[in-house]
Amino acid sequence: MTALECLRAAQASGDHYTRPINAFVDAFRRASRSDKERMACDPIATCGPLEGLVAATLSALCREAGVPAPPWVDHVRSNEPFFAFPARGFAMRVRLMVESPAPFRIRNVFVPETFLDRA
């Protein structure tokens, strides 16, 4: 699954958009270096909440794996603040804004600091 395919699956999943993203995280971590690079090669050309979430996820995974992130991730973000975790209250929103890892914050996407942790 490429990042672009992950985005399409997330968009098609409605409220369950994290399922394909979690599958992408797992697949990326298991992949060889060349497969990681292949998973990142198809650019996402639009901006939006899920686009920013997928780009941030890929950026963080590339950093974790020591693989250069593709240049296109630098241009993809959410145009409005996007809280990928239910954050209805002000305190929760502030917490997510503070603890979100940098690849997410710079794309206007806010997640718990453990968003990429998998069992």
N, C-alpha and C. Protein backbone atom coordinates (compact mmCIF):
# COMPACT_ATOMS: atom_id res chain seq x y z
N MET A 1 0.85 -1.18 0.00
CA MET A 1 0.00 0.00 0.00
C MET A 1 0.89 1.24 0.00
N THR A 2 0.66 2.14 -0.92
CA THR A 2 1.38 3.41 -0.94
C THR A 2 0.65 4.42 -0.05
N ALA A 3 1.30 5.54 0.21
CA ALA A 3 0.65 6.59 1.00
C ALA A 3 -0.61 7.09 0.30
N LEU A 4 -0.56 7.21 -1.01
CA LEU A 4 -1.74 7.65 -1.77
C LEU A 4 -2.88 6.64 -1.65
N GLU A 5 -2.56 5.36 -1.74
CA GLU A 5 -3.58 4.33 -1.56
C GLU A 5 -4.13 4.36 -0.13
N CYS A 6 -3.27 4.63 0.83
CA CYS A 6 -3.71 4.76 2.22
C CYS A 6 -4.71 5.91 2.35
N LEU A 7 -4.39 7.04 1.74
CA LEU A 7 -5.30 8.19 1.77
C LEU A 7 -6.65 7.82 1.18
N ARG A 8 -6.65 7.18 0.04
CA ARG A 8 -7.92 6.81 -0.61
C ARG A 8 -8.72 5.86 0.27
N ALA A 9 -8.04 4.91 0.89
CA ALA A 9 -8.73 3.97 1.79
C ALA A 9 -9.27 4.70 3.01
N ALA A 10 -8.51 5.65 3.55
CA ALA A 10 -8.97 6.42 4.71
C ALA A 10 -10.19 7.25 4.34
N GLN A 11 -10.16 7.87 3.17
CA GLN A 11 -11.30 8.68 2.72
C GLN A 11 -12.55 7.82 2.54
N ALA A 12 -12.37 6.59 2.08
CA ALA A 12 -13.50 5.69 1.86
C ALA A 12 -14.02 5.06 3.15
N SER A 13 -13.25 5.19 4.23
CA SER A 13 -13.60 4.53 5.49
C SER A 13 -14.44 5.38 6.43
N GLY A 14 -14.75 6.59 6.04
CA GLY A 14 -15.59 7.45 6.89
C GLY A 14 -14.98 7.65 8.27
N ASP A 15 -15.77 7.44 9.30
CA ASP A 15 -15.31 7.65 10.67
C ASP A 15 -14.23 6.67 11.11
N HIS A 16 -14.01 5.63 10.33
CA HIS A 16 -13.02 4.61 10.67
C HIS A 16 -11.72 4.83 9.88
N TYR A 17 -11.42 6.09 9.57
CA TYR A 17 -10.25 6.43 8.74
C TYR A 17 -8.93 5.99 9.36
N THR A 18 -8.88 5.78 10.67
CA THR A 18 -7.61 5.37 11.28
C THR A 18 -7.26 3.92 10.97
N ARG A 19 -8.22 3.11 10.60
CA ARG A 19 -7.92 1.69 10.32
C ARG A 19 -6.93 1.54 9.17
N PRO A 20 -7.17 2.16 8.00
CA PRO A 20 -6.16 2.01 6.94
C PRO A 20 -4.84 2.69 7.30
N ILE A 21 -4.89 3.75 8.08
CA ILE A 21 -3.65 4.41 8.49
C ILE A 21 -2.85 3.48 9.40
N ASN A 22 -3.53 2.82 10.33
CA ASN A 22 -2.84 1.86 11.20
C ASN A 22 -2.25 0.71 10.38
N ALA A 23 -2.99 0.24 9.38
CA ALA A 23 -2.48 -0.83 8.51
C ALA A 23 -1.24 -0.35 7.75
N PHE A 24 -1.26 0.91 7.31
CA PHE A 24 -0.11 1.47 6.61
C PHE A 24 1.10 1.55 7.55
N VAL A 25 0.88 1.99 8.77
CA VAL A 25 1.96 2.07 9.76
C VAL A 25 2.59 0.69 9.95
N ASP A 26 1.77 -0.31 10.15
CA ASP A 26 2.27 -1.68 10.35
C ASP A 26 3.04 -2.17 9.13
N ALA A 27 2.50 -1.96 7.94
CA ALA A 27 3.15 -2.42 6.71
C ALA A 27 4.47 -1.69 6.49
N PHE A 28 4.49 -0.40 6.74
CA PHE A 28 5.72 0.39 6.56
C PHE A 28 6.81 -0.12 7.49
N ARG A 29 6.47 -0.36 8.72
CA ARG A 29 7.47 -0.82 9.68
C ARG A 29 8.02 -2.20 9.34
N ARG A 30 7.23 -3.04 8.71
CA ARG A 30 7.67 -4.39 8.33
C ARG A 30 8.44 -4.39 7.01
N ALA A 31 8.31 -3.34 6.22
CA ALA A 31 8.85 -3.32 4.86
C ALA A 31 10.37 -3.15 4.83
N SER A 32 10.95 -3.63 3.75
CA SER A 32 12.38 -3.39 3.51
C SER A 32 12.57 -1.92 3.16
N ARG A 33 13.81 -1.48 3.16
CA ARG A 33 14.09 -0.08 2.83
C ARG A 33 13.56 0.28 1.44
N SER A 34 13.80 -0.59 0.46
CA SER A 34 13.33 -0.28 -0.90
C SER A 34 11.80 -0.25 -0.96
N ASP A 35 11.14 -1.11 -0.21
CA ASP A 35 9.67 -1.10 -0.17
C ASP A 35 9.16 0.16 0.54
N LYS A 36 9.87 0.60 1.57
CA LYS A 36 9.49 1.85 2.24
C LYS A 36 9.53 3.01 1.24
N GLU A 37 10.59 3.07 0.46
CA GLU A 37 10.71 4.14 -0.54
C GLU A 37 9.60 4.04 -1.58
N ARG A 38 9.24 2.82 -1.98
CA ARG A 38 8.14 2.64 -2.94
C ARG A 38 6.81 3.09 -2.33
N MET A 39 6.61 2.81 -1.04
CA MET A 39 5.36 3.19 -0.36
C MET A 39 5.19 4.71 -0.30
N ALA A 40 6.31 5.43 -0.40
CA ALA A 40 6.28 6.89 -0.28
C ALA A 40 6.33 7.61 -1.62
N CYS A 41 6.47 6.88 -2.72
CA CYS A 41 6.76 7.54 -4.00
C CYS A 41 5.55 8.22 -4.65
N ASP A 42 4.35 7.70 -4.49
CA ASP A 42 3.17 8.31 -5.13
C ASP A 42 2.76 9.56 -4.35
N PRO A 43 2.90 10.73 -4.95
CA PRO A 43 2.61 11.96 -4.20
C PRO A 43 1.11 12.18 -3.97
N ILE A 44 0.84 12.79 -2.85
CA ILE A 44 -0.50 13.32 -2.56
C ILE A 44 -0.44 14.78 -2.97
N ALA A 45 -1.29 15.17 -3.88
CA ALA A 45 -1.19 16.49 -4.49
C ALA A 45 -2.17 17.51 -3.92
N THR A 46 -3.03 17.11 -3.00
CA THR A 46 -4.02 18.03 -2.46
C THR A 46 -3.81 18.19 -0.95
N CYS A 47 -4.40 19.21 -0.41
CA CYS A 47 -4.35 19.45 1.03
C CYS A 47 -5.73 19.21 1.63
N GLY A 48 -5.75 18.79 2.86
CA GLY A 48 -6.98 18.53 3.57
C GLY A 48 -6.66 17.79 4.86
N PRO A 49 -7.64 17.56 5.69
CA PRO A 49 -7.38 16.92 6.98
C PRO A 49 -6.74 15.54 6.86
N LEU A 50 -7.33 14.66 6.06
CA LEU A 50 -6.76 13.32 5.94
C LEU A 50 -5.46 13.32 5.15
N GLU A 51 -5.36 14.22 4.19
CA GLU A 51 -4.11 14.36 3.45
C GLU A 51 -2.98 14.74 4.40
N GLY A 52 -3.25 15.72 5.28
CA GLY A 52 -2.25 16.12 6.26
C GLY A 52 -1.90 15.01 7.22
N LEU A 53 -2.90 14.24 7.63
CA LEU A 53 -2.67 13.13 8.56
C LEU A 53 -1.79 12.06 7.92
N VAL A 54 -2.06 11.70 6.68
CA VAL A 54 -1.26 10.68 6.00
C VAL A 54 0.16 11.21 5.74
N ALA A 55 0.29 12.45 5.31
CA ALA A 55 1.62 13.02 5.07
C ALA A 55 2.43 13.08 6.36
N ALA A 56 1.79 13.48 7.46
CA ALA A 56 2.48 13.54 8.74
C ALA A 56 2.89 12.15 9.21
N THR A 57 2.01 11.18 9.02
CA THR A 57 2.32 9.81 9.40
C THR A 57 3.52 9.31 8.61
N LEU A 58 3.51 9.52 7.31
CA LEU A 58 4.62 9.09 6.47
C LEU A 58 5.91 9.80 6.87
N SER A 59 5.85 11.10 7.10
CA SER A 59 7.03 11.85 7.50
C SER A 59 7.62 11.30 8.80
N ALA A 60 6.77 11.03 9.78
CA ALA A 60 7.23 10.51 11.06
C ALA A 60 7.83 9.10 10.89
N LEU A 61 7.20 8.28 10.07
CA LEU A 61 7.71 6.93 9.84
C LEU A 61 9.05 6.95 9.12
N CYS A 62 9.20 7.83 8.15
CA CYS A 62 10.48 7.94 7.45
C CYS A 62 11.58 8.37 8.41
N ARG A 63 11.28 9.33 9.26
CA ARG A 63 12.26 9.77 10.25
C ARG A 63 12.64 8.61 11.17
N GLU A 64 11.65 7.88 11.62
CA GLU A 64 11.88 6.73 12.51
C GLU A 64 12.77 5.68 11.84
N ALA A 65 12.56 5.45 10.54
CA ALA A 65 13.27 4.39 9.82
C ALA A 65 14.61 4.87 9.23
N GLY A 66 14.88 6.16 9.30
CA GLY A 66 16.10 6.69 8.71
C GLY A 66 16.06 6.71 7.19
N VAL A 67 14.86 6.83 6.65
CA VAL A 67 14.64 6.90 5.21
C VAL A 67 14.26 8.34 4.87
N PRO A 68 14.85 8.93 3.84
CA PRO A 68 14.47 10.29 3.49
C PRO A 68 12.98 10.38 3.13
N ALA A 69 12.30 11.35 3.70
CA ALA A 69 10.89 11.57 3.35
C ALA A 69 10.83 12.18 1.95
N PRO A 70 9.84 11.80 1.18
CA PRO A 70 9.73 12.38 -0.17
C PRO A 70 9.42 13.88 -0.08
N PRO A 71 9.89 14.65 -1.03
CA PRO A 71 9.69 16.11 -0.99
C PRO A 71 8.22 16.53 -0.93
N TRP A 72 7.32 15.73 -1.52
CA TRP A 72 5.91 16.14 -1.57
C TRP A 72 5.29 16.28 -0.18
N VAL A 73 5.80 15.57 0.83
CA VAL A 73 5.17 15.66 2.16
C VAL A 73 5.29 17.06 2.76
N ASP A 74 6.29 17.82 2.30
CA ASP A 74 6.48 19.18 2.83
C ASP A 74 5.37 20.14 2.41
N HIS A 75 4.61 19.77 1.40
CA HIS A 75 3.60 20.68 0.86
C HIS A 75 2.17 20.25 1.18
N VAL A 76 2.01 19.18 1.93
CA VAL A 76 0.67 18.65 2.22
C VAL A 76 0.35 18.92 3.68
N ARG A 77 -0.83 19.50 3.91
CA ARG A 77 -1.24 19.84 5.27
C ARG A 77 -2.76 19.96 5.32
N SER A 78 -3.26 20.11 6.52
CA SER A 78 -4.68 20.40 6.70
C SER A 78 -4.83 21.92 6.71
N ASN A 79 -5.78 22.43 5.97
CA ASN A 79 -5.98 23.88 5.92
C ASN A 79 -6.59 24.42 7.21
N GLU A 80 -7.28 23.58 7.94
CA GLU A 80 -7.86 23.95 9.23
C GLU A 80 -7.34 22.98 10.28
N PRO A 81 -7.30 23.38 11.55
CA PRO A 81 -6.86 22.43 12.57
C PRO A 81 -7.70 21.15 12.51
N PHE A 82 -7.01 20.02 12.51
CA PHE A 82 -7.67 18.73 12.44
C PHE A 82 -7.25 17.90 13.65
N PHE A 83 -8.22 17.53 14.45
CA PHE A 83 -7.98 16.70 15.62
C PHE A 83 -8.38 15.28 15.27
N ALA A 84 -7.38 14.41 15.10
CA ALA A 84 -7.62 13.04 14.66
C ALA A 84 -8.09 12.15 15.80
N PHE A 85 -8.21 12.70 16.96
CA PHE A 85 -8.68 12.00 18.15
C PHE A 85 -9.85 12.82 18.67
N PRO A 86 -10.94 12.20 19.10
CA PRO A 86 -12.08 13.00 19.56
C PRO A 86 -11.65 14.01 20.64
N ALA A 87 -11.72 15.26 20.28
CA ALA A 87 -11.29 16.33 21.19
C ALA A 87 -12.38 17.38 21.24
N ARG A 88 -13.42 17.08 21.97
CA ARG A 88 -14.56 17.99 22.01
C ARG A 88 -14.35 19.15 22.97
N GLY A 89 -13.62 18.91 24.03
CA GLY A 89 -13.40 19.95 25.03
C GLY A 89 -12.14 20.75 24.77
N PHE A 90 -12.14 21.97 25.29
CA PHE A 90 -11.00 22.88 25.11
C PHE A 90 -9.73 22.28 25.70
N ALA A 91 -9.81 21.69 26.88
CA ALA A 91 -8.62 21.13 27.54
C ALA A 91 -8.00 20.02 26.69
N MET A 92 -8.82 19.16 26.12
CA MET A 92 -8.30 18.08 25.29
C MET A 92 -7.65 18.63 24.02
N ARG A 93 -8.25 19.63 23.44
CA ARG A 93 -7.66 20.23 22.24
C ARG A 93 -6.30 20.84 22.55
N VAL A 94 -6.21 21.54 23.66
CA VAL A 94 -4.93 22.14 24.05
C VAL A 94 -3.90 21.04 24.28
N ARG A 95 -4.31 19.98 24.97
CA ARG A 95 -3.39 18.88 25.24
C ARG A 95 -2.86 18.28 23.92
N LEU A 96 -3.75 18.03 22.97
CA LEU A 96 -3.32 17.47 21.70
C LEU A 96 -2.42 18.44 20.93
N MET A 97 -2.70 19.72 21.03
CA MET A 97 -1.87 20.71 20.35
C MET A 97 -0.45 20.73 20.93
N VAL A 98 -0.35 20.50 22.22
CA VAL A 98 0.95 20.50 22.88
C VAL A 98 1.72 19.21 22.64
N GLU A 99 1.04 18.07 22.73
CA GLU A 99 1.75 16.79 22.69
C GLU A 99 1.89 16.18 21.30
N SER A 100 1.24 16.73 20.30
CA SER A 100 1.38 16.18 18.95
C SER A 100 2.83 16.22 18.50
N PRO A 101 3.34 15.12 17.94
CA PRO A 101 4.70 15.15 17.41
C PRO A 101 4.83 16.20 16.30
N ALA A 102 6.02 16.72 16.14
CA ALA A 102 6.28 17.81 15.19
C ALA A 102 5.78 17.54 13.77
N PRO A 103 5.97 16.33 13.20
CA PRO A 103 5.48 16.13 11.83
C PRO A 103 3.97 16.35 11.69
N PHE A 104 3.24 16.19 12.77
CA PHE A 104 1.79 16.41 12.75
C PHE A 104 1.48 17.88 12.99
N ARG A 105 2.08 18.47 14.02
CA ARG A 105 1.80 19.88 14.35
C ARG A 105 2.07 20.79 13.17
N ILE A 106 3.18 20.59 12.46
CA ILE A 106 3.51 21.50 11.36
C ILE A 106 2.54 21.38 10.20
N ARG A 107 1.75 20.32 10.20
CA ARG A 107 0.74 20.12 9.15
C ARG A 107 -0.67 20.43 9.63
N ASN A 108 -0.75 21.06 10.82
CA ASN A 108 -2.02 21.48 11.39
C ASN A 108 -2.91 20.27 11.75
N VAL A 109 -2.26 19.16 12.10
CA VAL A 109 -2.93 17.93 12.49
C VAL A 109 -2.52 17.63 13.92
N PHE A 110 -3.49 17.30 14.76
CA PHE A 110 -3.21 17.11 16.19
C PHE A 110 -3.66 15.73 16.63
N VAL A 111 -2.70 15.00 17.18
CA VAL A 111 -2.90 13.61 17.59
C VAL A 111 -2.26 13.42 18.97
N PRO A 112 -2.62 12.35 19.68
CA PRO A 112 -1.91 12.05 20.92
C PRO A 112 -0.46 11.70 20.60
N GLU A 113 0.42 11.93 21.57
CA GLU A 113 1.84 11.64 21.34
C GLU A 113 2.07 10.17 21.04
N THR A 114 1.14 9.32 21.40
CA THR A 114 1.25 7.87 21.17
C THR A 114 0.54 7.41 19.90
N PHE A 115 0.18 8.32 19.02
CA PHE A 115 -0.61 7.98 17.85
C PHE A 115 0.01 6.86 17.01
N LEU A 116 1.31 6.83 16.88
CA LEU A 116 1.96 5.82 16.06
C LEU A 116 2.37 4.58 16.85
N ASP A 117 2.09 4.56 18.13
CA ASP A 117 2.40 3.37 18.93
C ASP A 117 1.44 2.25 18.55
N ARG A 118 2.00 1.08 18.34
CA ARG A 118 1.19 -0.07 17.98
C ARG A 118 1.54 -1.20 18.92
N ALA A 119 0.58 -2.04 19.22
CA ALA A 119 0.82 -3.16 20.14
C ALA A 119 1.61 -4.25 19.48
